[in-house]
Amino acid sequence: MASSTFNPSKEHRKGDQHLENAKEAGGQAWDKAKEAGTEAVDAAKQAGSDALAKVKDAGAATLEKAKDTVASAGTMASEAVSAAGQKADNVTAAAGHGLKTMGESMAKNTPHEGMMGHAAQAVADTIKGAGDYVEEHKLSGMAKDLEQVIKNHPVPALLVCFGIGICVGRALKD
């Protein structure tokens, strides 16, 4: 048999070399793992940022559509109210024209002389004047005039409202 000589210092150096190689390989593996982890975290951050941007964009688009819908509904409601107000003004003007025509008819068909004639003409003139006013100012103008009267005379306006309330209350009670 061949005898082999054991040289501890040579084997020890080989072990040290293997140990150094293993340490170096472990360090490289650790660096690569750290780098891969950092890249994964960066990719996750980017994906989260992209998803957040998409959610923000979708939310903004939905909000914009909601604003448009509300604005459209508001415009439609405003147009409907305006049309209803216009119809009310037209009906009021027609009623005013009817009053004016009735006053003119009364003026023509009632006596013009004597106490009854003067009274009938005064009533006819008052009805014609009321018809002119209603026809000219319509409902919206009358509302503005009423508002102005109430602003100029608040206490009498409150007393009138109070009196009307009492009369309506008593009428409903009976």
Protein backbone atom coordinates (compact mmCIF):
# COMPACT_ATOMS: atom_id res chain seq x y z
CA MET A 1 0.00 0.00 0.00
CA ALA A 2 1.00 3.34 -0.72
CA SER A 3 1.50 5.48 2.17
CA SER A 4 0.19 8.89 2.08
CA THR A 5 1.63 11.57 4.09
CA PHE A 6 -0.63 13.78 5.98
CA ASN A 7 0.40 17.38 6.07
CA PRO A 8 -1.80 19.25 8.49
CA SER A 9 -0.64 22.66 7.47
CA LYS A 10 -1.45 22.04 3.79
CA GLU A 11 -4.91 20.66 4.69
CA HIS A 12 -5.51 23.50 7.05
CA ARG A 13 -4.72 26.00 4.30
CA LYS A 14 -7.16 24.20 1.98
CA GLY A 15 -9.86 24.35 4.67
CA ASP A 16 -9.21 28.01 5.21
CA GLN A 17 -9.41 28.58 1.45
CA HIS A 18 -12.73 26.72 1.29
CA LEU A 19 -13.98 28.71 4.24
CA GLU A 20 -13.00 31.95 2.54
CA ASN A 21 -14.64 30.82 -0.69
CA ALA A 22 -17.82 29.91 1.21
CA LYS A 23 -17.82 33.27 3.00
CA GLU A 24 -17.37 35.08 -0.28
CA ALA A 25 -20.12 33.04 -1.95
CA GLY A 26 -22.41 33.69 1.04
CA GLY A 27 -21.67 37.42 0.90
CA GLN A 28 -22.41 37.49 -2.82
CA ALA A 29 -25.63 35.55 -2.26
CA TRP A 30 -26.58 37.99 0.50
CA ASP A 31 -25.90 40.98 -1.76
CA LYS A 32 -27.94 39.44 -4.57
CA ALA A 33 -30.82 38.67 -2.18
CA LYS A 34 -30.71 42.24 -0.85
CA GLU A 35 -30.69 43.60 -4.39
CA ALA A 36 -33.58 41.33 -5.40
CA GLY A 37 -35.54 42.38 -2.30
CA THR A 38 -34.92 46.06 -3.02
CA GLU A 39 -36.03 45.58 -6.62
CA ALA A 40 -39.16 43.76 -5.45
CA VAL A 41 -40.00 46.56 -2.99
CA ASP A 42 -39.42 49.18 -5.72
CA ALA A 43 -41.63 47.23 -8.13
CA ALA A 44 -44.37 46.94 -5.48
CA LYS A 45 -44.13 50.68 -4.77
CA GLN A 46 -44.41 51.45 -8.48
CA ALA A 47 -47.38 49.10 -8.90
CA GLY A 48 -49.09 50.66 -5.89
CA SER A 49 -48.43 54.14 -7.21
CA ASP A 50 -49.79 53.19 -10.63
CA ALA A 51 -52.90 51.65 -9.05
CA LEU A 52 -53.44 54.75 -6.88
CA ALA A 53 -53.13 57.00 -9.95
CA LYS A 54 -55.70 54.89 -11.80
CA VAL A 55 -58.09 55.02 -8.83
CA LYS A 56 -57.64 58.80 -8.60
CA ASP A 57 -58.31 59.18 -12.32
CA ALA A 58 -61.40 56.99 -12.14
CA GLY A 59 -62.66 58.92 -9.09
CA ALA A 60 -62.06 62.25 -10.82
CA ALA A 61 -63.88 61.05 -13.94
CA THR A 62 -66.82 59.83 -11.84
CA LEU A 63 -66.92 63.11 -9.92
CA GLU A 64 -66.86 65.08 -13.17
CA LYS A 65 -69.75 62.99 -14.55
CA ALA A 66 -71.70 63.56 -11.33
CA LYS A 67 -71.09 67.31 -11.56
CA ASP A 68 -72.26 67.33 -15.17
CA THR A 69 -75.38 65.35 -14.25
CA VAL A 70 -76.22 67.69 -11.36
CA ALA A 71 -75.61 70.75 -13.54
CA SER A 72 -77.81 69.29 -16.25
CA ALA A 73 -80.58 68.51 -13.76
CA GLY A 74 -80.28 72.02 -12.32
CA THR A 75 -80.54 73.55 -15.77
CA MET A 76 -83.58 71.42 -16.58
CA ALA A 77 -85.25 72.38 -13.28
CA SER A 78 -84.48 76.04 -13.87
CA GLU A 79 -85.93 75.85 -17.38
CA ALA A 80 -89.05 74.10 -16.06
CA VAL A 81 -89.55 76.74 -13.35
CA SER A 82 -88.95 79.49 -15.89
CA ALA A 83 -91.49 77.94 -18.26
CA ALA A 84 -94.02 77.59 -15.45
CA GLY A 85 -93.42 81.20 -14.44
CA GLN A 86 -93.86 82.29 -18.04
CA LYS A 87 -97.13 80.36 -18.27
CA ALA A 88 -98.33 81.93 -15.01
CA ASP A 89 -97.44 85.38 -16.36
CA ASN A 90 -99.30 84.62 -19.60
CA VAL A 91 -102.40 83.43 -17.73
CA THR A 92 -102.27 86.49 -15.48
CA ALA A 93 -101.90 88.80 -18.48
CA ALA A 94 -104.89 87.12 -20.10
CA ALA A 95 -106.92 87.59 -16.91
CA GLY A 96 -105.88 91.24 -16.83
CA HIS A 97 -106.99 91.64 -20.42
CA GLY A 98 -110.33 90.05 -19.49
CA LEU A 99 -110.77 92.51 -16.58
CA LYS A 100 -109.93 95.42 -18.84
CA THR A 101 -112.45 94.22 -21.44
CA MET A 102 -115.10 93.81 -18.75
CA GLY A 103 -114.43 97.35 -17.50
CA GLU A 104 -114.73 98.73 -21.02
CA SER A 105 -117.97 96.82 -21.53
CA MET A 106 -119.35 98.17 -18.25
CA ALA A 107 -118.39 101.71 -19.25
CA LYS A 108 -120.27 101.34 -22.54
CA ASN A 109 -123.37 99.63 -21.16
CA THR A 110 -124.04 101.61 -17.99
CA PRO A 111 -125.61 105.06 -17.74
CA HIS A 112 -123.22 107.99 -17.97
CA GLU A 113 -125.34 110.56 -16.15
CA GLY A 114 -126.65 110.96 -12.69
CA MET A 115 -125.38 109.56 -9.44
CA MET A 116 -125.73 105.93 -10.60
CA GLY A 117 -124.00 106.76 -13.87
CA HIS A 118 -121.06 108.41 -12.11
CA ALA A 119 -120.75 105.49 -9.69
CA ALA A 120 -120.98 102.95 -12.52
CA GLN A 121 -118.36 104.83 -14.53
CA ALA A 122 -116.07 105.00 -11.48
CA VAL A 123 -116.41 101.25 -10.98
CA ALA A 124 -115.83 100.63 -14.70
CA ASP A 125 -112.73 102.88 -14.68
CA THR A 126 -111.40 101.08 -11.59
CA ILE A 127 -111.91 97.69 -13.21
CA LYS A 128 -110.26 98.87 -16.44
CA GLY A 129 -107.32 100.27 -14.43
CA ALA A 130 -106.95 97.02 -12.51
CA GLY A 131 -107.09 95.08 -15.78
CA ASP A 132 -104.42 97.34 -17.32
CA TYR A 133 -102.22 96.89 -14.24
CA VAL A 134 -102.60 93.09 -14.18
CA GLU A 135 -102.10 92.78 -17.94
CA GLU A 136 -99.00 94.98 -17.91
CA HIS A 137 -97.27 93.77 -14.75
CA LYS A 138 -98.32 90.12 -14.85
CA LEU A 139 -97.83 87.88 -11.82
CA SER A 140 -94.07 88.46 -11.48
CA GLY A 141 -94.46 92.26 -11.50
CA MET A 142 -97.30 92.13 -8.98
CA ALA A 143 -95.14 89.99 -6.69
CA LYS A 144 -92.34 92.59 -6.89
CA ASP A 145 -94.81 95.39 -6.17
CA LEU A 146 -96.23 93.49 -3.18
CA GLU A 147 -92.70 92.90 -1.89
CA GLN A 148 -91.99 96.62 -2.14
CA VAL A 149 -95.21 97.55 -0.31
CA ILE A 150 -94.35 95.12 2.50
CA LYS A 151 -90.81 96.54 2.77
CA ASN A 152 -92.15 100.09 2.90
CA HIS A 153 -94.98 99.31 5.37
CA PRO A 154 -94.04 96.23 7.45
CA VAL A 155 -96.34 96.79 10.47
CA PRO A 156 -99.57 97.30 8.48
CA ALA A 157 -98.59 94.30 6.31
CA LEU A 158 -98.26 92.13 9.44
CA LEU A 159 -101.59 93.37 10.76
CA VAL A 160 -103.31 92.57 7.46
CA CYS A 161 -101.78 89.06 7.48
CA PHE A 162 -102.88 88.59 11.09
CA GLY A 163 -106.43 89.67 10.22
CA ILE A 164 -106.57 87.38 7.19
CA GLY A 165 -105.32 84.53 9.36
CA ILE A 166 -108.08 85.11 11.91
CA CYS A 167 -110.76 85.22 9.18
CA VAL A 168 -109.48 82.04 7.54
CA GLY A 169 -109.24 80.33 10.92
CA ARG A 170 -112.81 81.19 11.82
CA ALA A 171 -114.08 80.15 8.40
CA LEU A 172 -112.36 76.78 8.69
CA LYS A 173 -113.60 76.31 12.26
CA ASP A 174 -117.27 76.66 11.24
